[in-house]
């Protein structure tokens, strides 16, 4: 099931974690690789994904974080 452009979930693929549609590449993996300093080109080559896939991952992460509520306790 597509939950965002180019982002899907399927309980049979990576235990239902969000992945790039048509792949088994989890979006948290892509985010982690970018955060560790890999370039778009390196991630694209290593996981056989496109620049548009990476941009979809970043867009999904930004949207998800913008909807998150943090409640301070204490």
C-alpha atoms as a PDB file:
ATOM      1  CA  UNK A   1       0.000   0.000   0.000  1.00  0.00           C
ATOM      2  CA  UNK A   2       1.422   3.368  -0.990  1.00  0.00           C
ATOM      3  CA  UNK A   3       1.335   5.764   1.980  1.00  0.00           C
ATOM      4  CA  UNK A   4       3.037   8.661   0.208  1.00  0.00           C
ATOM      5  CA  UNK A   5       4.427   9.236  -3.273  1.00  0.00           C
ATOM      6  CA  UNK A   6       7.079   6.515  -3.842  1.00  0.00           C
ATOM      7  CA  UNK A   7       6.747   5.239  -0.230  1.00  0.00           C
ATOM      8  CA  UNK A   8       4.952   1.958   0.524  1.00  0.00           C
ATOM      9  CA  UNK A   9       4.271  -0.440   3.349  1.00  0.00           C
ATOM     10  CA  UNK A  10       3.576  -4.157   3.060  1.00  0.00           C
ATOM     11  CA  UNK A  11       3.593  -6.530   6.011  1.00  0.00           C
ATOM     12  CA  UNK A  12       5.405  -9.041   3.781  1.00  0.00           C
ATOM     13  CA  UNK A  13       8.256  -6.611   3.033  1.00  0.00           C
ATOM     14  CA  UNK A  14      10.649  -5.605   5.832  1.00  0.00           C
ATOM     15  CA  UNK A  15       8.006  -6.412   8.473  1.00  0.00           C
ATOM     16  CA  UNK A  16       5.775  -3.569   7.278  1.00  0.00           C
ATOM     17  CA  UNK A  17       8.366  -0.812   7.614  1.00  0.00           C
ATOM     18  CA  UNK A  18       8.064   1.996   5.047  1.00  0.00           C
ATOM     19  CA  UNK A  19      10.183   1.291   1.978  1.00  0.00           C
ATOM     20  CA  UNK A  20      10.771   2.906  -1.384  1.00  0.00           C
ATOM     21  CA  UNK A  21       8.000   1.589  -3.630  1.00  0.00           C
ATOM     22  CA  UNK A  22       9.121  -1.350  -5.762  1.00  0.00           C
ATOM     23  CA  UNK A  23      12.174  -2.036  -3.602  1.00  0.00           C
ATOM     24  CA  UNK A  24      13.065  -3.528  -0.241  1.00  0.00           C
ATOM     25  CA  UNK A  25      15.008  -0.380   0.724  1.00  0.00           C
ATOM     26  CA  UNK A  26      13.692   0.992   4.044  1.00  0.00           C
ATOM     27  CA  UNK A  27      13.379   4.755   4.248  1.00  0.00           C
ATOM     28  CA  UNK A  28      15.119   4.854   7.640  1.00  0.00           C
ATOM     29  CA  UNK A  29      18.163   3.235   6.014  1.00  0.00           C
ATOM     30  CA  UNK A  30      18.309   5.946   3.339  1.00  0.00           C
ATOM     31  CA  UNK A  31      17.931   8.685   5.962  1.00  0.00           C
ATOM     32  CA  UNK A  32      20.670   7.134   8.089  1.00  0.00           C
ATOM     33  CA  UNK A  33      23.075   6.882   5.166  1.00  0.00           C
ATOM     34  CA  UNK A  34      22.483  10.522   4.223  1.00  0.00           C
ATOM     35  CA  UNK A  35      22.842  11.606   7.860  1.00  0.00           C
ATOM     36  CA  UNK A  36      26.160   9.756   8.100  1.00  0.00           C
ATOM     37  CA  UNK A  37      27.529  11.792   5.211  1.00  0.00           C
ATOM     38  CA  UNK A  38      26.938   9.666   2.140  1.00  0.00           C
ATOM     39  CA  UNK A  39      26.119  11.683  -0.966  1.00  0.00           C
ATOM     40  CA  UNK A  40      22.944  11.215  -2.981  1.00  0.00           C
ATOM     41  CA  UNK A  41      25.059   9.629  -5.701  1.00  0.00           C
ATOM     42  CA  UNK A  42      26.636   7.114  -3.297  1.00  0.00           C
ATOM     43  CA  UNK A  43      23.246   6.113  -1.870  1.00  0.00           C
ATOM     44  CA  UNK A  44      21.760   5.859  -5.359  1.00  0.00           C
ATOM     45  CA  UNK A  45      24.587   3.600  -6.528  1.00  0.00           C
ATOM     46  CA  UNK A  46      24.640   1.398  -3.427  1.00  0.00           C
ATOM     47  CA  UNK A  47      20.876   0.771  -3.265  1.00  0.00           C
ATOM     48  CA  UNK A  48      19.936   1.166  -6.950  1.00  0.00           C
ATOM     49  CA  UNK A  49      17.449   3.954  -6.288  1.00  0.00           C
ATOM     50  CA  UNK A  50      16.880   7.280  -8.015  1.00  0.00           C
ATOM     51  CA  UNK A  51      17.290  10.886  -6.947  1.00  0.00           C
ATOM     52  CA  UNK A  52      13.492  11.138  -6.990  1.00  0.00           C
ATOM     53  CA  UNK A  53      13.330   8.216  -4.530  1.00  0.00           C
ATOM     54  CA  UNK A  54      15.693  10.042  -2.164  1.00  0.00           C
ATOM     55  CA  UNK A  55      13.680  13.245  -2.437  1.00  0.00           C
ATOM     56  CA  UNK A  56      10.500  11.260  -1.689  1.00  0.00           C
ATOM     57  CA  UNK A  57      12.160   9.809   1.430  1.00  0.00           C
ATOM     58  CA  UNK A  58      13.171  13.278   2.619  1.00  0.00           C
ATOM     59  CA  UNK A  59       9.700  14.663   1.909  1.00  0.00           C
ATOM     60  CA  UNK A  60       8.018  11.813   3.799  1.00  0.00           C
ATOM     61  CA  UNK A  61      10.358  12.261   6.777  1.00  0.00           C
ATOM     62  CA  UNK A  62       9.772  16.023   6.874  1.00  0.00           C
ATOM     63  CA  UNK A  63       5.987  15.581   6.698  1.00  0.00           C
ATOM     64  CA  UNK A  64       6.020  12.897   9.385  1.00  0.00           C
ATOM     65  CA  UNK A  65       8.135  15.030  11.728  1.00  0.00           C
ATOM     66  CA  UNK A  66       6.000  18.107  11.142  1.00  0.00           C
ATOM     67  CA  UNK A  67       2.970  16.167  12.393  1.00  0.00           C
ATOM     68  CA  UNK A  68       4.726  14.809  15.485  1.00  0.00           C
ATOM     69  CA  UNK A  69       3.733  16.193  18.871  1.00  0.00           C
ATOM     70  CA  UNK A  70       6.259  16.342  21.704  1.00  0.00           C
ATOM     71  CA  UNK A  71       4.947  16.676  25.219  1.00  0.00           C
ATOM     72  CA  UNK A  72       7.365  17.674  27.939  1.00  0.00           C
ATOM     73  CA  UNK A  73       6.895  15.733  31.140  1.00  0.00           C
ATOM     74  CA  UNK A  74       8.184  16.966  34.424  1.00  0.00           C
END
